[in-house]
Amino acid sequence: MKALGLTEVQETSWAEGVALIDEVAHDGEEPFSTVVVTPPMQGWTLVVGPYFGLPHTQQTAHVTNLCRDLSAVFGKAQLFFHSEQNDGEAWLIAEGGRILRRWISEYPELAMGEPFGVERRLLDAYGITGKPEDLDPDSDLAGDWAATWGDCWATTVAEESSIDPTSAAAGTGSISSMLVAAAPTFE
């Protein structure tokens, strides 16, 4: 929390935290900077909220730098964006102060690094030997890939790289309380 500069910290329940983030993301009534912090889950501490949304281009550079800096301090840091309303998928994987991969389905021109893991395997299955961001957007191959996001959701990448927050909560045993906090503004 200190490394992120979070303030106005309050305790909340798991159910209230989930509802709050849904409200922040969809209703806009709560401040955009509101985040929820989980207790450690399978070795990871999750900080959840649209504040960290890679597809929001006004904050892509900020959250990329933040993730890079956190990975320099903690070894690894990752960001994931998954939309159940088909608004896209995004992930950022950083280790040791270096960005390994950033993918934003809505903005392939903002991609960084090389596909690996499940993303690479699915690209290979589609016959894409390079990166999806290098495809001609008018090609049939790019259209086939984009039509299904290559079946490569952020939750799938998260599960393989660290933890899928949509399925991990039930098995943690420590989901009784979380923290709500305010993230600092960024420029």
C-alpha atoms as a PDB file:
ATOM      1  CA  MET A   1       0.000   0.000   0.000  1.00  0.00           C
ATOM      2  CA  LYS A   2       2.841   2.339   0.795  1.00  0.00           C
ATOM      3  CA  ALA A   3       4.584   1.620  -2.533  1.00  0.00           C
ATOM      4  CA  LEU A   4       1.377   2.542  -4.376  1.00  0.00           C
ATOM      5  CA  GLY A   5       0.847   5.700  -2.344  1.00  0.00           C
ATOM      6  CA  LEU A   6      -2.625   4.613  -1.243  1.00  0.00           C
ATOM      7  CA  THR A   7      -4.442   6.792   1.303  1.00  0.00           C
ATOM      8  CA  GLU A   8      -7.824   6.946   3.066  1.00  0.00           C
ATOM      9  CA  VAL A   9      -7.549   3.250   3.935  1.00  0.00           C
ATOM     10  CA  GLN A  10     -10.636   1.571   5.415  1.00  0.00           C
ATOM     11  CA  GLU A  11     -11.568  -2.021   6.040  1.00  0.00           C
ATOM     12  CA  THR A  12     -14.386  -3.600   4.030  1.00  0.00           C
ATOM     13  CA  SER A  13     -15.872  -7.038   3.499  1.00  0.00           C
ATOM     14  CA  TRP A  14     -15.183  -9.110   0.405  1.00  0.00           C
ATOM     15  CA  ALA A  15     -18.780  -8.695  -0.856  1.00  0.00           C
ATOM     16  CA  GLU A  16     -18.772  -4.933  -0.256  1.00  0.00           C
ATOM     17  CA  GLY A  17     -15.382  -4.568  -1.957  1.00  0.00           C
ATOM     18  CA  VAL A  18     -16.545  -6.458  -5.051  1.00  0.00           C
ATOM     19  CA  ALA A  19     -19.732  -4.380  -5.232  1.00  0.00           C
ATOM     20  CA  LEU A  20     -17.784  -1.144  -4.787  1.00  0.00           C
ATOM     21  CA  ILE A  21     -15.370  -1.882  -7.635  1.00  0.00           C
ATOM     22  CA  ASP A  22     -18.275  -2.842  -9.894  1.00  0.00           C
ATOM     23  CA  GLU A  23     -19.929   0.472  -9.025  1.00  0.00           C
ATOM     24  CA  VAL A  24     -16.728   2.453  -9.660  1.00  0.00           C
ATOM     25  CA  ALA A  25     -16.202   0.732 -13.001  1.00  0.00           C
ATOM     26  CA  HIS A  26     -19.760   1.013 -14.295  1.00  0.00           C
ATOM     27  CA  ASP A  27     -21.719   3.720 -12.480  1.00  0.00           C
ATOM     28  CA  GLY A  28     -19.059   6.359 -11.995  1.00  0.00           C
ATOM     29  CA  GLU A  29     -20.554   7.424  -8.655  1.00  0.00           C
ATOM     30  CA  GLU A  30     -17.455   6.605  -6.607  1.00  0.00           C
ATOM     31  CA  PRO A  31     -14.113   8.272  -7.385  1.00  0.00           C
ATOM     32  CA  PHE A  32     -12.173   6.607 -10.204  1.00  0.00           C
ATOM     33  CA  SER A  33      -9.189   6.385  -7.848  1.00  0.00           C
ATOM     34  CA  THR A  34     -10.996   4.042  -5.430  1.00  0.00           C
ATOM     35  CA  VAL A  35      -9.235   0.662  -5.221  1.00  0.00           C
ATOM     36  CA  VAL A  36      -9.714  -2.483  -3.172  1.00  0.00           C
ATOM     37  CA  VAL A  37      -6.748  -4.394  -1.734  1.00  0.00           C
ATOM     38  CA  THR A  38      -7.070  -8.085  -0.921  1.00  0.00           C
ATOM     39  CA  PRO A  39      -5.258  -9.980   1.778  1.00  0.00           C
ATOM     40  CA  PRO A  40      -2.474 -12.179   0.349  1.00  0.00           C
ATOM     41  CA  MET A  41      -3.909 -14.835  -1.963  1.00  0.00           C
ATOM     42  CA  GLN A  42      -1.657 -17.656  -3.149  1.00  0.00           C
ATOM     43  CA  GLY A  43       1.373 -15.408  -2.663  1.00  0.00           C
ATOM     44  CA  TRP A  44      -0.135 -12.374  -4.419  1.00  0.00           C
ATOM     45  CA  THR A  45      -1.762  -9.212  -3.104  1.00  0.00           C
ATOM     46  CA  LEU A  46      -4.380  -7.949  -5.529  1.00  0.00           C
ATOM     47  CA  VAL A  47      -5.173  -4.262  -5.935  1.00  0.00           C
ATOM     48  CA  VAL A  48      -8.375  -3.959  -7.938  1.00  0.00           C
ATOM     49  CA  GLY A  49     -10.054  -1.034  -9.627  1.00  0.00           C
ATOM     50  CA  PRO A  50     -10.427   0.816 -12.926  1.00  0.00           C
ATOM     51  CA  TYR A  51      -7.602   3.128 -11.827  1.00  0.00           C
ATOM     52  CA  PHE A  52      -5.261   0.407 -13.131  1.00  0.00           C
ATOM     53  CA  GLY A  53      -7.123  -0.085 -16.434  1.00  0.00           C
ATOM     54  CA  LEU A  54      -4.599  -0.342 -19.267  1.00  0.00           C
ATOM     55  CA  PRO A  55      -7.267   0.311 -21.942  1.00  0.00           C
ATOM     56  CA  HIS A  56      -7.857   3.802 -20.541  1.00  0.00           C
ATOM     57  CA  THR A  57      -5.234   5.445 -22.770  1.00  0.00           C
ATOM     58  CA  GLN A  58      -4.877   8.506 -20.540  1.00  0.00           C
ATOM     59  CA  GLN A  59      -3.375   6.251 -17.867  1.00  0.00           C
ATOM     60  CA  THR A  60      -1.617   3.522 -19.881  1.00  0.00           C
ATOM     61  CA  ALA A  61       1.843   5.082 -19.500  1.00  0.00           C
ATOM     62  CA  HIS A  62       1.296   5.775 -15.784  1.00  0.00           C
ATOM     63  CA  VAL A  63       0.200   2.255 -14.863  1.00  0.00           C
ATOM     64  CA  THR A  64       2.919   0.742 -17.081  1.00  0.00           C
ATOM     65  CA  ASN A  65       5.588   2.721 -15.234  1.00  0.00           C
ATOM     66  CA  LEU A  66       3.962   1.888 -11.898  1.00  0.00           C
ATOM     67  CA  CYS A  67       3.979  -1.835 -12.681  1.00  0.00           C
ATOM     68  CA  ARG A  68       7.606  -1.671 -13.855  1.00  0.00           C
ATOM     69  CA  ASP A  69       8.614   0.144 -10.652  1.00  0.00           C
ATOM     70  CA  LEU A  70       6.710  -2.285  -8.417  1.00  0.00           C
ATOM     71  CA  SER A  71       8.393  -5.239 -10.118  1.00  0.00           C
ATOM     72  CA  ALA A  72      11.790  -3.677  -9.408  1.00  0.00           C
ATOM     73  CA  VAL A  73      10.909  -3.581  -5.696  1.00  0.00           C
ATOM     74  CA  PHE A  74       8.887  -6.809  -5.323  1.00  0.00           C
ATOM     75  CA  GLY A  75      10.313  -8.963  -8.139  1.00  0.00           C
ATOM     76  CA  LYS A  76       7.052  -9.271 -10.073  1.00  0.00           C
ATOM     77  CA  ALA A  77       4.043  -7.083 -10.753  1.00  0.00           C
ATOM     78  CA  GLN A  78       1.167  -7.674 -13.123  1.00  0.00           C
ATOM     79  CA  LEU A  79      -1.919  -5.833 -14.384  1.00  0.00           C
ATOM     80  CA  PHE A  80      -4.971  -7.430 -15.950  1.00  0.00           C
ATOM     81  CA  PHE A  81      -8.130  -6.045 -17.535  1.00  0.00           C
ATOM     82  CA  HIS A  82     -10.979  -8.392 -18.414  1.00  0.00           C
ATOM     83  CA  SER A  83     -14.344  -7.222 -19.658  1.00  0.00           C
ATOM     84  CA  GLU A  84     -17.384  -9.386 -19.400  1.00  0.00           C
ATOM     85  CA  GLN A  85     -19.138  -6.829 -21.658  1.00  0.00           C
ATOM     86  CA  ASN A  86     -16.709  -7.586 -24.530  1.00  0.00           C
ATOM     87  CA  ASP A  87     -14.828  -4.277 -24.099  1.00  0.00           C
ATOM     88  CA  GLY A  88     -11.488  -5.990 -24.628  1.00  0.00           C
ATOM     89  CA  GLU A  89      -8.678  -7.701 -22.791  1.00  0.00           C
ATOM     90  CA  ALA A  90      -5.352  -6.385 -21.535  1.00  0.00           C
ATOM     91  CA  TRP A  91      -2.388  -7.518 -19.506  1.00  0.00           C
ATOM     92  CA  LEU A  92       0.981  -6.283 -18.421  1.00  0.00           C
ATOM     93  CA  ILE A  93       3.638  -8.602 -17.013  1.00  0.00           C
ATOM     94  CA  ALA A  94       6.735  -7.063 -15.401  1.00  0.00           C
ATOM     95  CA  GLU A  95       9.657  -8.733 -13.664  1.00  0.00           C
ATOM     96  CA  GLY A  96      12.757  -7.230 -12.113  1.00  0.00           C
ATOM     97  CA  GLY A  97      11.989  -3.721 -13.328  1.00  0.00           C
ATOM     98  CA  ARG A  98      11.408  -4.811 -16.929  1.00  0.00           C
ATOM     99  CA  ILE A  99       8.210  -5.086 -18.969  1.00  0.00           C
ATOM    100  CA  LEU A 100       7.979  -8.598 -20.423  1.00  0.00           C
ATOM    101  CA  ARG A 101       4.640  -8.108 -22.196  1.00  0.00           C
ATOM    102  CA  ARG A 102       1.920  -5.508 -22.499  1.00  0.00           C
ATOM    103  CA  TRP A 103      -1.085  -6.340 -24.647  1.00  0.00           C
ATOM    104  CA  ILE A 104      -4.229  -4.224 -25.019  1.00  0.00           C
ATOM    105  CA  SER A 105      -6.676  -5.795 -27.463  1.00  0.00           C
ATOM    106  CA  GLU A 106      -8.331  -2.474 -28.271  1.00  0.00           C
ATOM    107  CA  TYR A 107      -4.969  -0.782 -28.920  1.00  0.00           C
ATOM    108  CA  PRO A 108      -2.522  -3.291 -30.431  1.00  0.00           C
ATOM    109  CA  GLU A 109      -0.181  -0.423 -31.356  1.00  0.00           C
ATOM    110  CA  LEU A 110       0.539  -0.002 -27.615  1.00  0.00           C
ATOM    111  CA  ALA A 111       1.850  -3.575 -27.259  1.00  0.00           C
ATOM    112  CA  MET A 112       5.278  -4.120 -25.753  1.00  0.00           C
ATOM    113  CA  GLY A 113       7.467  -7.202 -25.481  1.00  0.00           C
ATOM    114  CA  GLU A 114       7.025 -10.678 -26.864  1.00  0.00           C
ATOM    115  CA  PRO A 115       3.991 -12.954 -26.493  1.00  0.00           C
ATOM    116  CA  PHE A 116       4.694 -15.928 -24.230  1.00  0.00           C
ATOM    117  CA  GLY A 117       2.830 -18.684 -22.417  1.00  0.00           C
ATOM    118  CA  VAL A 118      -0.826 -19.127 -23.305  1.00  0.00           C
ATOM    119  CA  GLU A 119      -0.752 -16.122 -25.653  1.00  0.00           C
ATOM    120  CA  ARG A 120       2.139 -17.608 -27.667  1.00  0.00           C
ATOM    121  CA  ARG A 121       0.553 -21.078 -27.765  1.00  0.00           C
ATOM    122  CA  LEU A 122      -2.745 -19.674 -29.049  1.00  0.00           C
ATOM    123  CA  LEU A 123      -0.995 -17.519 -31.649  1.00  0.00           C
ATOM    124  CA  ASP A 124       0.858 -20.631 -32.839  1.00  0.00           C
ATOM    125  CA  ALA A 125      -2.453 -22.512 -33.034  1.00  0.00           C
ATOM    126  CA  TYR A 126      -3.795 -19.743 -35.306  1.00  0.00           C
ATOM    127  CA  GLY A 127      -0.668 -19.962 -37.443  1.00  0.00           C
ATOM    128  CA  ILE A 128       0.557 -16.535 -36.326  1.00  0.00           C
ATOM    129  CA  THR A 129       4.334 -16.826 -36.053  1.00  0.00           C
ATOM    130  CA  GLY A 130       4.916 -13.213 -35.022  1.00  0.00           C
ATOM    131  CA  LYS A 131       3.015 -10.871 -32.770  1.00  0.00           C
ATOM    132  CA  PRO A 132      -0.673 -10.002 -33.152  1.00  0.00           C
ATOM    133  CA  GLU A 133       0.197  -6.302 -33.144  1.00  0.00           C
ATOM    134  CA  ASP A 134       2.243  -6.820 -36.331  1.00  0.00           C
ATOM    135  CA  LEU A 135      -0.643  -8.304 -38.331  1.00  0.00           C
ATOM    136  CA  ASP A 136      -2.219  -6.328 -41.157  1.00  0.00           C
ATOM    137  CA  PRO A 137      -5.508  -5.284 -39.495  1.00  0.00           C
ATOM    138  CA  ASP A 138      -7.338  -5.919 -42.799  1.00  0.00           C
ATOM    139  CA  SER A 139      -6.076  -9.485 -43.192  1.00  0.00           C
ATOM    140  CA  ASP A 140      -8.260 -12.547 -42.674  1.00  0.00           C
ATOM    141  CA  LEU A 141      -5.796 -13.828 -40.087  1.00  0.00           C
ATOM    142  CA  ALA A 142      -6.062 -10.636 -38.046  1.00  0.00           C
ATOM    143  CA  GLY A 143      -9.842 -10.791 -38.339  1.00  0.00           C
ATOM    144  CA  ASP A 144      -9.945 -14.415 -37.164  1.00  0.00           C
ATOM    145  CA  TRP A 145      -7.675 -13.591 -34.217  1.00  0.00           C
ATOM    146  CA  ALA A 146      -9.605 -10.469 -33.213  1.00  0.00           C
ATOM    147  CA  ALA A 147     -13.019 -12.129 -33.585  1.00  0.00           C
ATOM    148  CA  THR A 148     -12.387 -14.228 -30.494  1.00  0.00           C
ATOM    149  CA  TRP A 149      -9.403 -12.371 -28.998  1.00  0.00           C
ATOM    150  CA  GLY A 150      -7.725 -15.635 -29.904  1.00  0.00           C
ATOM    151  CA  ASP A 151      -9.562 -17.210 -26.960  1.00  0.00           C
ATOM    152  CA  CYS A 152      -6.929 -15.471 -24.896  1.00  0.00           C
ATOM    153  CA  TRP A 153      -8.679 -13.675 -22.073  1.00  0.00           C
ATOM    154  CA  ALA A 154      -6.790 -11.737 -19.428  1.00  0.00           C
ATOM    155  CA  THR A 155      -8.121 -14.150 -16.801  1.00  0.00           C
ATOM    156  CA  THR A 156      -6.467 -17.033 -18.682  1.00  0.00           C
ATOM    157  CA  VAL A 157      -3.147 -15.172 -18.847  1.00  0.00           C
ATOM    158  CA  ALA A 158      -3.507 -14.246 -15.160  1.00  0.00           C
ATOM    159  CA  GLU A 159      -4.176 -17.832 -14.121  1.00  0.00           C
ATOM    160  CA  GLU A 160      -1.078 -19.056 -15.944  1.00  0.00           C
ATOM    161  CA  SER A 161       1.169 -16.166 -14.850  1.00  0.00           C
ATOM    162  CA  SER A 162       0.024 -15.653 -11.276  1.00  0.00           C
ATOM    163  CA  ILE A 163      -3.560 -15.916 -10.065  1.00  0.00           C
ATOM    164  CA  ASP A 164      -6.991 -15.633 -11.674  1.00  0.00           C
ATOM    165  CA  PRO A 165      -8.877 -13.364  -9.287  1.00  0.00           C
ATOM    166  CA  THR A 166     -12.237 -14.516 -10.651  1.00  0.00           C
ATOM    167  CA  SER A 167     -11.680 -18.049  -9.395  1.00  0.00           C
ATOM    168  CA  ALA A 168      -9.073 -17.734  -6.623  1.00  0.00           C
ATOM    169  CA  ALA A 169     -11.124 -16.013  -3.924  1.00  0.00           C
ATOM    170  CA  ALA A 170     -13.171 -19.020  -2.943  1.00  0.00           C
ATOM    171  CA  GLY A 171     -10.120 -21.142  -2.166  1.00  0.00           C
ATOM    172  CA  THR A 172      -8.039 -18.659  -0.203  1.00  0.00           C
ATOM    173  CA  GLY A 173      -9.528 -19.109   3.240  1.00  0.00           C
ATOM    174  CA  SER A 174      -8.830 -15.458   4.127  1.00  0.00           C
ATOM    175  CA  ILE A 175     -11.466 -13.493   2.246  1.00  0.00           C
ATOM    176  CA  SER A 176     -13.346 -12.100   5.219  1.00  0.00           C
ATOM    177  CA  SER A 177     -11.908  -8.607   4.951  1.00  0.00           C
ATOM    178  CA  MET A 178     -10.244  -6.374   2.424  1.00  0.00           C
ATOM    179  CA  LEU A 179      -9.158  -2.761   2.357  1.00  0.00           C
ATOM    180  CA  VAL A 180     -10.596   0.153   0.385  1.00  0.00           C
ATOM    181  CA  ALA A 181      -8.229   2.998  -0.406  1.00  0.00           C
ATOM    182  CA  ALA A 182      -7.718   6.016  -2.627  1.00  0.00           C
ATOM    183  CA  ALA A 183      -4.979   5.871  -5.236  1.00  0.00           C
ATOM    184  CA  PRO A 184      -3.016   9.032  -5.972  1.00  0.00           C
ATOM    185  CA  THR A 185      -3.842  11.155  -8.984  1.00  0.00           C
ATOM    186  CA  PHE A 186      -1.556  10.853 -11.992  1.00  0.00           C
ATOM    187  CA  GLU A 187      -0.616  13.162 -14.804  1.00  0.00           C
END
